[in-house]
């Protein structure tokens, strides 16, 4: 028999971050705890949804993605998703002037 770890890495959409949680916490979330993500607010979005949020062209998005200016996740061979809070943070790191 192999030893089972008491801690697991799980993606929790309540704050759109990867969090470490014990098995009891994971079970309680799976047993009906509601996610705190606002309705209509997705953690991961596709290219079309990202382009709707940003005033940039597809080519600019491609360039930013391939140069690493914004993070993305590739699923399978072709599907690419963007973690919106990470994209937003990456863009704010490149901000010049002004305060947010």
PDB file of N, CA and C in Angstrom:
ATOM      1  N   UNK A   1       0.832  -1.184   0.000  1.00  0.00           N
ATOM      2  CA  UNK A   1       0.000   0.000   0.000  1.00  0.00           C
ATOM      3  C   UNK A   1       0.874   1.244   0.000  1.00  0.00           C
ATOM      4  N   UNK A   2       0.409   2.255  -0.682  1.00  0.00           N
ATOM      5  CA  UNK A   2       1.161   3.505  -0.706  1.00  0.00           C
ATOM      6  C   UNK A   2       0.570   4.482   0.302  1.00  0.00           C
ATOM      7  N   UNK A   3       1.405   5.356   0.794  1.00  0.00           N
ATOM      8  CA  UNK A   3       0.948   6.358   1.747  1.00  0.00           C
ATOM      9  C   UNK A   3       0.176   7.437   1.024  1.00  0.00           C
ATOM     10  N   UNK A   4      -0.896   7.886   1.641  1.00  0.00           N
ATOM     11  CA  UNK A   4      -1.723   8.931   1.061  1.00  0.00           C
ATOM     12  C   UNK A   4      -1.398  10.240   1.761  1.00  0.00           C
ATOM     13  N   UNK A   5      -1.137  11.252   0.998  1.00  0.00           N
ATOM     14  CA  UNK A   5      -0.831  12.565   1.550  1.00  0.00           C
ATOM     15  C   UNK A   5      -2.089  13.180   2.140  1.00  0.00           C
ATOM     16  N   UNK A   6      -1.945  13.859   3.270  1.00  0.00           N
ATOM     17  CA  UNK A   6      -3.096  14.507   3.890  1.00  0.00           C
ATOM     18  C   UNK A   6      -3.356  15.877   3.292  1.00  0.00           C
ATOM     19  N   UNK A   7      -2.467  16.353   2.441  1.00  0.00           N
ATOM     20  CA  UNK A   7      -2.624  17.652   1.810  1.00  0.00           C
ATOM     21  C   UNK A   7      -2.657  17.458   0.307  1.00  0.00           C
ATOM     22  N   UNK A   8      -3.545  18.166  -0.357  1.00  0.00           N
ATOM     23  CA  UNK A   8      -3.666  18.061  -1.803  1.00  0.00           C
ATOM     24  C   UNK A   8      -3.723  19.453  -2.406  1.00  0.00           C
ATOM     25  N   UNK A   9      -3.271  19.563  -3.649  1.00  0.00           N
ATOM     26  CA  UNK A   9      -3.366  20.827  -4.356  1.00  0.00           C
ATOM     27  C   UNK A   9      -4.646  20.816  -5.169  1.00  0.00           C
ATOM     28  N   UNK A  10      -5.471  21.822  -4.968  1.00  0.00           N
ATOM     29  CA  UNK A  10      -6.774  21.893  -5.621  1.00  0.00           C
ATOM     30  C   UNK A  10      -6.985  23.300  -6.133  1.00  0.00           C
ATOM     31  N   UNK A  11      -7.621  23.412  -7.284  1.00  0.00           N
ATOM     32  CA  UNK A  11      -7.974  24.735  -7.787  1.00  0.00           C
ATOM     33  C   UNK A  11      -9.322  25.107  -7.197  1.00  0.00           C
ATOM     34  N   UNK A  12      -9.346  26.163  -6.397  1.00  0.00           N
ATOM     35  CA  UNK A  12     -10.571  26.642  -5.782  1.00  0.00           C
ATOM     36  C   UNK A  12     -10.990  27.915  -6.496  1.00  0.00           C
ATOM     37  N   UNK A  13     -12.185  27.915  -7.033  1.00  0.00           N
ATOM     38  CA  UNK A  13     -12.626  29.066  -7.808  1.00  0.00           C
ATOM     39  C   UNK A  13     -13.190  30.196  -6.960  1.00  0.00           C
ATOM     40  N   UNK A  14     -13.217  30.052  -5.646  1.00  0.00           N
ATOM     41  CA  UNK A  14     -13.775  31.129  -4.851  1.00  0.00           C
ATOM     42  C   UNK A  14     -12.922  32.387  -4.936  1.00  0.00           C
ATOM     43  N   UNK A  15     -11.608  32.245  -5.049  1.00  0.00           N
ATOM     44  CA  UNK A  15     -10.777  33.429  -5.216  1.00  0.00           C
ATOM     45  C   UNK A  15      -9.846  33.277  -6.412  1.00  0.00           C
ATOM     46  N   UNK A  16     -10.137  32.298  -7.271  1.00  0.00           N
ATOM     47  CA  UNK A  16      -9.400  32.080  -8.510  1.00  0.00           C
ATOM     48  C   UNK A  16      -7.907  31.863  -8.298  1.00  0.00           C
ATOM     49  N   UNK A  17      -7.547  31.198  -7.223  1.00  0.00           N
ATOM     50  CA  UNK A  17      -6.140  30.909  -6.988  1.00  0.00           C
ATOM     51  C   UNK A  17      -5.975  29.432  -6.720  1.00  0.00           C
ATOM     52  N   UNK A  18      -4.771  28.961  -6.888  1.00  0.00           N
ATOM     53  CA  UNK A  18      -4.480  27.581  -6.539  1.00  0.00           C
ATOM     54  C   UNK A  18      -4.146  27.575  -5.057  1.00  0.00           C
ATOM     55  N   UNK A  19      -4.852  26.768  -4.322  1.00  0.00           N
ATOM     56  CA  UNK A  19      -4.669  26.747  -2.872  1.00  0.00           C
ATOM     57  C   UNK A  19      -4.377  25.336  -2.402  1.00  0.00           C
ATOM     58  N   UNK A  20      -3.721  25.251  -1.292  1.00  0.00           N
ATOM     59  CA  UNK A  20      -3.477  23.951  -0.684  1.00  0.00           C
ATOM     60  C   UNK A  20      -4.510  23.792   0.416  1.00  0.00           C
ATOM     61  N   UNK A  21      -5.191  22.656   0.403  1.00  0.00           N
ATOM     62  CA  UNK A  21      -6.222  22.418   1.406  1.00  0.00           C
ATOM     63  C   UNK A  21      -6.167  20.965   1.844  1.00  0.00           C
ATOM     64  N   UNK A  22      -6.477  20.719   3.097  1.00  0.00           N
ATOM     65  CA  UNK A  22      -6.513  19.357   3.614  1.00  0.00           C
ATOM     66  C   UNK A  22      -7.719  18.616   3.062  1.00  0.00           C
ATOM     67  N   UNK A  23      -7.708  17.296   3.188  1.00  0.00           N
ATOM     68  CA  UNK A  23      -8.773  16.479   2.613  1.00  0.00           C
ATOM     69  C   UNK A  23     -10.140  16.797   3.210  1.00  0.00           C
ATOM     70  N   UNK A  24     -10.209  17.175   4.504  1.00  0.00           N
ATOM     71  CA  UNK A  24     -11.498  17.522   5.109  1.00  0.00           C
ATOM     72  C   UNK A  24     -12.083  18.773   4.469  1.00  0.00           C
ATOM     73  N   UNK A  25     -11.239  19.744   4.212  1.00  0.00           N
ATOM     74  CA  UNK A  25     -11.700  20.984   3.585  1.00  0.00           C
ATOM     75  C   UNK A  25     -12.184  20.715   2.158  1.00  0.00           C
ATOM     76  N   UNK A  26     -11.464  19.860   1.442  1.00  0.00           N
ATOM     77  CA  UNK A  26     -11.855  19.516   0.077  1.00  0.00           C
ATOM     78  C   UNK A  26     -13.206  18.808   0.092  1.00  0.00           C
ATOM     79  N   UNK A  27     -13.368  17.835   1.010  1.00  0.00           N
ATOM     80  CA  UNK A  27     -14.641  17.113   1.100  1.00  0.00           C
ATOM     81  C   UNK A  27     -15.791  18.063   1.412  1.00  0.00           C
ATOM     82  N   UNK A  28     -15.583  19.015   2.317  1.00  0.00           N
ATOM     83  CA  UNK A  28     -16.667  19.942   2.664  1.00  0.00           C
ATOM     84  C   UNK A  28     -17.050  20.805   1.467  1.00  0.00           C
ATOM     85  N   UNK A  29     -16.064  21.194   0.636  1.00  0.00           N
ATOM     86  CA  UNK A  29     -16.364  21.976  -0.564  1.00  0.00           C
ATOM     87  C   UNK A  29     -17.135  21.126  -1.563  1.00  0.00           C
ATOM     88  N   UNK A  30     -16.781  19.846  -1.650  1.00  0.00           N
ATOM     89  CA  UNK A  30     -17.454  18.967  -2.603  1.00  0.00           C
ATOM     90  C   UNK A  30     -18.854  18.608  -2.127  1.00  0.00           C
ATOM     91  N   UNK A  31     -19.110  18.720  -0.829  1.00  0.00           N
ATOM     92  CA  UNK A  31     -20.410  18.358  -0.275  1.00  0.00           C
ATOM     93  C   UNK A  31     -21.369  19.526  -0.208  1.00  0.00           C
ATOM     94  N   UNK A  32     -21.194  20.513  -1.054  1.00  0.00           N
ATOM     95  CA  UNK A  32     -22.219  21.537  -1.162  1.00  0.00           C
ATOM     96  C   UNK A  32     -21.855  22.942  -0.775  1.00  0.00           C
ATOM     97  N   UNK A  33     -20.653  23.188  -0.310  1.00  0.00           N
ATOM     98  CA  UNK A  33     -20.294  24.580  -0.046  1.00  0.00           C
ATOM     99  C   UNK A  33     -20.328  25.347  -1.352  1.00  0.00           C
ATOM    100  N   UNK A  34     -20.891  26.519  -1.335  1.00  0.00           N
ATOM    101  CA  UNK A  34     -21.018  27.323  -2.540  1.00  0.00           C
ATOM    102  C   UNK A  34     -19.720  28.052  -2.841  1.00  0.00           C
ATOM    103  N   UNK A  35     -19.413  28.140  -4.110  1.00  0.00           N
ATOM    104  CA  UNK A  35     -18.255  28.911  -4.548  1.00  0.00           C
ATOM    105  C   UNK A  35     -18.547  30.391  -4.341  1.00  0.00           C
ATOM    106  N   UNK A  36     -17.519  31.171  -4.029  1.00  0.00           N
ATOM    107  CA  UNK A  36     -17.695  32.600  -3.823  1.00  0.00           C
ATOM    108  C   UNK A  36     -17.424  33.408  -5.083  1.00  0.00           C
ATOM    109  N   UNK A  37     -17.236  32.713  -6.216  1.00  0.00           N
ATOM    110  CA  UNK A  37     -17.016  33.411  -7.479  1.00  0.00           C
ATOM    111  C   UNK A  37     -18.313  34.086  -7.893  1.00  0.00           C
ATOM    112  N   UNK A  38     -18.300  35.381  -8.203  1.00  0.00           N
ATOM    113  CA  UNK A  38     -19.529  36.048  -8.636  1.00  0.00           C
ATOM    114  C   UNK A  38     -20.110  35.373  -9.869  1.00  0.00           C
ATOM    115  N   UNK A  39     -21.428  35.376  -9.961  1.00  0.00           N
ATOM    116  CA  UNK A  39     -22.098  34.765 -11.102  1.00  0.00           C
ATOM    117  C   UNK A  39     -21.639  35.454 -12.374  1.00  0.00           C
ATOM    118  N   UNK A  40     -21.270  34.676 -13.382  1.00  0.00           N
ATOM    119  CA  UNK A  40     -20.817  35.231 -14.647  1.00  0.00           C
ATOM    120  C   UNK A  40     -19.339  35.557 -14.673  1.00  0.00           C
ATOM    121  N   UNK A  41     -18.654  35.387 -13.565  1.00  0.00           N
ATOM    122  CA  UNK A  41     -17.222  35.692 -13.489  1.00  0.00           C
ATOM    123  C   UNK A  41     -16.452  34.380 -13.525  1.00  0.00           C
ATOM    124  N   UNK A  42     -15.763  34.117 -14.620  1.00  0.00           N
ATOM    125  CA  UNK A  42     -15.039  32.857 -14.775  1.00  0.00           C
ATOM    126  C   UNK A  42     -13.574  33.046 -14.423  1.00  0.00           C
ATOM    127  N   UNK A  43     -12.980  32.022 -13.846  1.00  0.00           N
ATOM    128  CA  UNK A  43     -11.550  32.064 -13.522  1.00  0.00           C
ATOM    129  C   UNK A  43     -10.730  31.947 -14.801  1.00  0.00           C
ATOM    130  N   UNK A  44     -11.075  30.966 -15.630  1.00  0.00           N
ATOM    131  CA  UNK A  44     -10.358  30.736 -16.873  1.00  0.00           C
ATOM    132  C   UNK A  44     -11.250  31.124 -18.042  1.00  0.00           C
ATOM    133  N   UNK A  45     -10.665  31.867 -18.981  1.00  0.00           N
ATOM    134  CA  UNK A  45     -11.416  32.317 -20.146  1.00  0.00           C
ATOM    135  C   UNK A  45     -10.644  31.945 -21.406  1.00  0.00           C
ATOM    136  N   UNK A  46     -11.351  31.847 -22.514  1.00  0.00           N
ATOM    137  CA  UNK A  46     -10.683  31.512 -23.769  1.00  0.00           C
ATOM    138  C   UNK A  46     -10.267  32.790 -24.496  1.00  0.00           C
ATOM    139  N   UNK A  47      -9.658  32.608 -25.648  1.00  0.00           N
ATOM    140  CA  UNK A  47      -9.137  33.750 -26.412  1.00  0.00           C
ATOM    141  C   UNK A  47     -10.229  34.748 -26.779  1.00  0.00           C
ATOM    142  N   UNK A  48     -11.365  34.252 -27.206  1.00  0.00           N
ATOM    143  CA  UNK A  48     -12.468  35.125 -27.618  1.00  0.00           C
ATOM    144  C   UNK A  48     -12.944  35.992 -26.455  1.00  0.00           C
ATOM    145  N   UNK A  49     -13.066  35.392 -25.270  1.00  0.00           N
ATOM    146  CA  UNK A  49     -13.503  36.151 -24.095  1.00  0.00           C
ATOM    147  C   UNK A  49     -12.445  37.165 -23.666  1.00  0.00           C
ATOM    148  N   UNK A  50     -11.174  36.795 -23.786  1.00  0.00           N
ATOM    149  CA  UNK A  50     -10.108  37.726 -23.417  1.00  0.00           C
ATOM    150  C   UNK A  50     -10.077  38.915 -24.376  1.00  0.00           C
ATOM    151  N   UNK A  51     -10.251  38.634 -25.667  1.00  0.00           N
ATOM    152  CA  UNK A  51     -10.261  39.727 -26.646  1.00  0.00           C
ATOM    153  C   UNK A  51     -11.449  40.657 -26.441  1.00  0.00           C
ATOM    154  N   UNK A  52     -12.555  40.131 -25.891  1.00  0.00           N
ATOM    155  CA  UNK A  52     -13.710  40.978 -25.591  1.00  0.00           C
ATOM    156  C   UNK A  52     -13.417  41.908 -24.413  1.00  0.00           C
ATOM    157  N   UNK A  53     -12.522  41.498 -23.530  1.00  0.00           N
ATOM    158  CA  UNK A  53     -12.183  42.307 -22.347  1.00  0.00           C
ATOM    159  C   UNK A  53     -11.066  43.307 -22.608  1.00  0.00           C
ATOM    160  N   UNK A  54     -10.202  43.017 -23.581  1.00  0.00           N
ATOM    161  CA  UNK A  54      -9.052  43.884 -23.847  1.00  0.00           C
ATOM    162  C   UNK A  54      -9.156  44.505 -25.239  1.00  0.00           C
ATOM    163  N   UNK A  55      -8.792  45.766 -25.376  1.00  0.00           N
ATOM    164  CA  UNK A  55      -8.853  46.422 -26.686  1.00  0.00           C
ATOM    165  C   UNK A  55      -7.598  46.153 -27.517  1.00  0.00           C
ATOM    166  N   UNK A  56      -7.348  44.877 -27.829  1.00  0.00           N
ATOM    167  CA  UNK A  56      -6.175  44.501 -28.615  1.00  0.00           C
ATOM    168  C   UNK A  56      -6.599  43.560 -29.732  1.00  0.00           C
ATOM    169  N   UNK A  57      -5.731  43.408 -30.733  1.00  0.00           N
ATOM    170  CA  UNK A  57      -6.020  42.507 -31.852  1.00  0.00           C
ATOM    171  C   UNK A  57      -5.612  41.080 -31.498  1.00  0.00           C
ATOM    172  N   UNK A  58      -6.059  40.140 -32.311  1.00  0.00           N
ATOM    173  CA  UNK A  58      -5.676  38.735 -32.121  1.00  0.00           C
ATOM    174  C   UNK A  58      -4.165  38.573 -32.259  1.00  0.00           C
ATOM    175  N   UNK A  59      -3.588  39.296 -33.196  1.00  0.00           N
ATOM    176  CA  UNK A  59      -2.149  39.212 -33.428  1.00  0.00           C
ATOM    177  C   UNK A  59      -1.368  39.714 -32.209  1.00  0.00           C
ATOM    178  N   UNK A  60      -1.824  40.811 -31.611  1.00  0.00           N
ATOM    179  CA  UNK A  60      -1.168  41.327 -30.408  1.00  0.00           C
ATOM    180  C   UNK A  60      -1.273  40.321 -29.277  1.00  0.00           C
ATOM    181  N   UNK A  61      -2.449  39.709 -29.126  1.00  0.00           N
ATOM    182  CA  UNK A  61      -2.624  38.689 -28.100  1.00  0.00           C
ATOM    183  C   UNK A  61      -1.674  37.518 -28.344  1.00  0.00           C
ATOM    184  N   UNK A  62      -1.553  37.091 -29.596  1.00  0.00           N
ATOM    185  CA  UNK A  62      -0.631  36.010 -29.948  1.00  0.00           C
ATOM    186  C   UNK A  62       0.801  36.385 -29.570  1.00  0.00           C
ATOM    187  N   UNK A  63       1.207  37.607 -29.913  1.00  0.00           N
ATOM    188  CA  UNK A  63       2.571  38.070 -29.595  1.00  0.00           C
ATOM    189  C   UNK A  63       2.804  38.111 -28.089  1.00  0.00           C
ATOM    190  N   UNK A  64       1.855  38.656 -27.350  1.00  0.00           N
ATOM    191  CA  UNK A  64       1.990  38.749 -25.896  1.00  0.00           C
ATOM    192  C   UNK A  64       2.074  37.351 -25.280  1.00  0.00           C
ATOM    193  N   UNK A  65       1.265  36.419 -25.806  1.00  0.00           N
ATOM    194  CA  UNK A  65       1.247  35.056 -25.282  1.00  0.00           C
ATOM    195  C   UNK A  65       2.570  34.342 -25.562  1.00  0.00           C
ATOM    196  N   UNK A  66       3.062  34.450 -26.793  1.00  0.00           N
ATOM    197  CA  UNK A  66       4.289  33.732 -27.159  1.00  0.00           C
ATOM    198  C   UNK A  66       5.542  34.336 -26.521  1.00  0.00           C
ATOM    199  N   UNK A  67       5.531  35.629 -26.244  1.00  0.00           N
ATOM    200  CA  UNK A  67       6.691  36.255 -25.591  1.00  0.00           C
ATOM    201  C   UNK A  67       6.614  36.168 -24.072  1.00  0.00           C
ATOM    202  N   UNK A  68       5.498  35.676 -23.545  1.00  0.00           N
ATOM    203  CA  UNK A  68       5.362  35.516 -22.104  1.00  0.00           C
ATOM    204  C   UNK A  68       4.885  36.754 -21.380  1.00  0.00           C
ATOM    205  N   UNK A  69       4.421  37.761 -22.107  1.00  0.00           N
ATOM    206  CA  UNK A  69       3.937  38.975 -21.451  1.00  0.00           C
ATOM    207  C   UNK A  69       2.686  38.680 -20.636  1.00  0.00           C
ATOM    208  N   UNK A  70       1.839  37.773 -21.130  1.00  0.00           N
ATOM    209  CA  UNK A  70       0.671  37.340 -20.366  1.00  0.00           C
ATOM    210  C   UNK A  70       0.698  35.816 -20.257  1.00  0.00           C
ATOM    211  N   UNK A  71       0.296  35.287 -19.110  1.00  0.00           N
ATOM    212  CA  UNK A  71       0.327  33.837 -18.907  1.00  0.00           C
ATOM    213  C   UNK A  71      -0.870  33.141 -19.552  1.00  0.00           C
ATOM    214  N   UNK A  72      -0.670  31.889 -19.933  1.00  0.00           N
ATOM    215  CA  UNK A  72      -1.760  31.097 -20.492  1.00  0.00           C
ATOM    216  C   UNK A  72      -1.544  29.632 -20.149  1.00  0.00           C
ATOM    217  N   UNK A  73      -2.588  28.845 -20.359  1.00  0.00           N
ATOM    218  CA  UNK A  73      -2.541  27.408 -20.123  1.00  0.00           C
ATOM    219  C   UNK A  73      -2.983  26.725 -21.404  1.00  0.00           C
ATOM    220  N   UNK A  74      -2.179  25.785 -21.893  1.00  0.00           N
ATOM    221  CA  UNK A  74      -2.536  25.042 -23.103  1.00  0.00           C
ATOM    222  C   UNK A  74      -3.111  23.696 -22.681  1.00  0.00           C
ATOM    223  N   UNK A  75      -4.328  23.403 -23.148  1.00  0.00           N
ATOM    224  CA  UNK A  75      -4.981  22.130 -22.869  1.00  0.00           C
ATOM    225  C   UNK A  75      -4.993  21.314 -24.145  1.00  0.00           C
ATOM    226  N   UNK A  76      -4.548  20.091 -24.043  1.00  0.00           N
ATOM    227  CA  UNK A  76      -4.495  19.270 -25.241  1.00  0.00           C
ATOM    228  C   UNK A  76      -3.521  19.874 -26.229  1.00  0.00           C
ATOM    229  N   UNK A  77      -3.865  19.857 -27.491  1.00  0.00           N
ATOM    230  CA  UNK A  77      -2.974  20.401 -28.493  1.00  0.00           C
ATOM    231  C   UNK A  77      -3.255  21.837 -28.870  1.00  0.00           C
ATOM    232  N   UNK A  78      -4.531  22.227 -28.901  1.00  0.00           N
ATOM    233  CA  UNK A  78      -4.859  23.535 -29.461  1.00  0.00           C
ATOM    234  C   UNK A  78      -5.571  24.490 -28.522  1.00  0.00           C
ATOM    235  N   UNK A  79      -6.274  23.977 -27.554  1.00  0.00           N
ATOM    236  CA  UNK A  79      -7.090  24.834 -26.680  1.00  0.00           C
ATOM    237  C   UNK A  79      -6.198  25.614 -25.722  1.00  0.00           C
ATOM    238  N   UNK A  80      -6.362  26.924 -25.712  1.00  0.00           N
ATOM    239  CA  UNK A  80      -5.578  27.796 -24.838  1.00  0.00           C
ATOM    240  C   UNK A  80      -6.542  28.571 -23.958  1.00  0.00           C
ATOM    241  N   UNK A  81      -6.280  28.547 -22.658  1.00  0.00           N
ATOM    242  CA  UNK A  81      -7.094  29.295 -21.703  1.00  0.00           C
ATOM    243  C   UNK A  81      -6.216  30.295 -20.969  1.00  0.00           C
ATOM    244  N   UNK A  82      -6.853  31.352 -20.516  1.00  0.00           N
ATOM    245  CA  UNK A  82      -6.164  32.402 -19.780  1.00  0.00           C
ATOM    246  C   UNK A  82      -6.807  32.525 -18.414  1.00  0.00           C
ATOM    247  N   UNK A  83      -5.994  32.595 -17.378  1.00  0.00           N
ATOM    248  CA  UNK A  83      -6.487  32.808 -16.012  1.00  0.00           C
ATOM    249  C   UNK A  83      -6.605  34.318 -15.838  1.00  0.00           C
ATOM    250  N   UNK A  84      -7.831  34.824 -15.835  1.00  0.00           N
ATOM    251  CA  UNK A  84      -8.059  36.271 -15.879  1.00  0.00           C
ATOM    252  C   UNK A  84      -7.323  37.035 -14.779  1.00  0.00           C
ATOM    253  N   UNK A  85      -7.386  36.634 -13.509  1.00  0.00           N
ATOM    254  CA  UNK A  85      -6.645  37.397 -12.490  1.00  0.00           C
ATOM    255  C   UNK A  85      -5.136  37.436 -12.761  1.00  0.00           C
ATOM    256  N   UNK A  86      -4.573  36.372 -13.320  1.00  0.00           N
ATOM    257  CA  UNK A  86      -3.138  36.366 -13.643  1.00  0.00           C
ATOM    258  C   UNK A  86      -2.834  37.279 -14.816  1.00  0.00           C
ATOM    259  N   UNK A  87      -3.718  37.299 -15.803  1.00  0.00           N
ATOM    260  CA  UNK A  87      -3.544  38.194 -16.954  1.00  0.00           C
ATOM    261  C   UNK A  87      -3.606  39.640 -16.490  1.00  0.00           C
ATOM    262  N   UNK A  88      -4.593  39.932 -15.653  1.00  0.00           N
ATOM    263  CA  UNK A  88      -4.759  41.285 -15.131  1.00  0.00           C
ATOM    264  C   UNK A  88      -3.518  41.718 -14.347  1.00  0.00           C
ATOM    265  N   UNK A  89      -2.996  40.829 -13.505  1.00  0.00           N
ATOM    266  CA  UNK A  89      -1.795  41.140 -12.726  1.00  0.00           C
ATOM    267  C   UNK A  89      -0.589  41.365 -13.635  1.00  0.00           C
ATOM    268  N   UNK A  90      -0.457  40.542 -14.676  1.00  0.00           N
ATOM    269  CA  UNK A  90       0.667  40.691 -15.609  1.00  0.00           C
ATOM    270  C   UNK A  90       0.589  42.035 -16.330  1.00  0.00           C
ATOM    271  N   UNK A  91      -0.602  42.428 -16.732  1.00  0.00           N
ATOM    272  CA  UNK A  91      -0.753  43.715 -17.417  1.00  0.00           C
ATOM    273  C   UNK A  91      -0.445  44.880 -16.484  1.00  0.00           C
ATOM    274  N   UNK A  92      -0.848  44.758 -15.215  1.00  0.00           N
ATOM    275  CA  UNK A  92      -0.571  45.823 -14.257  1.00  0.00           C
ATOM    276  C   UNK A  92       0.921  45.942 -13.968  1.00  0.00           C
ATOM    277  N   UNK A  93       1.662  44.818 -14.051  1.00  0.00           N
ATOM    278  CA  UNK A  93       3.118  44.882 -13.855  1.00  0.00           C
ATOM    279  C   UNK A  93       3.781  45.668 -14.983  1.00  0.00           C
ATOM    280  N   UNK A  94       3.171  45.693 -16.159  1.00  0.00           N
ATOM    281  CA  UNK A  94       3.724  46.422 -17.301  1.00  0.00           C
ATOM    282  C   UNK A  94       3.191  47.843 -17.401  1.00  0.00           C
ATOM    283  N   UNK A  95       2.387  48.262 -16.436  1.00  0.00           N
ATOM    284  CA  UNK A  95       1.781  49.590 -16.460  1.00  0.00           C
ATOM    285  C   UNK A  95       2.832  50.670 -16.266  1.00  0.00           C
ATOM    286  N   UNK A  96       2.675  51.755 -17.011  1.00  0.00           N
ATOM    287  CA  UNK A  96       3.564  52.909 -16.883  1.00  0.00           C
ATOM    288  C   UNK A  96       2.721  54.107 -16.470  1.00  0.00           C
ATOM    289  N   UNK A  97       3.102  54.769 -15.388  1.00  0.00           N
ATOM    290  CA  UNK A  97       2.392  55.958 -14.943  1.00  0.00           C
ATOM    291  C   UNK A  97       1.060  55.614 -14.306  1.00  0.00           C
ATOM    292  N   UNK A  98       0.523  56.553 -13.574  1.00  0.00           N
ATOM    293  CA  UNK A  98      -0.775  56.370 -12.919  1.00  0.00           C
ATOM    294  C   UNK A  98      -0.694  55.378 -11.786  1.00  0.00           C
ATOM    295  N   UNK A  99      -1.652  55.422 -10.924  1.00  0.00           N
ATOM    296  CA  UNK A  99      -1.736  54.499  -9.793  1.00  0.00           C
ATOM    297  C   UNK A  99      -3.086  53.827  -9.793  1.00  0.00           C
ATOM    298  N   UNK A 100      -3.086  52.563  -9.405  1.00  0.00           N
ATOM    299  CA  UNK A 100      -4.333  51.824  -9.245  1.00  0.00           C
ATOM    300  C   UNK A 100      -4.490  51.375  -7.827  1.00  0.00           C
TER     301      UNK A 100
END
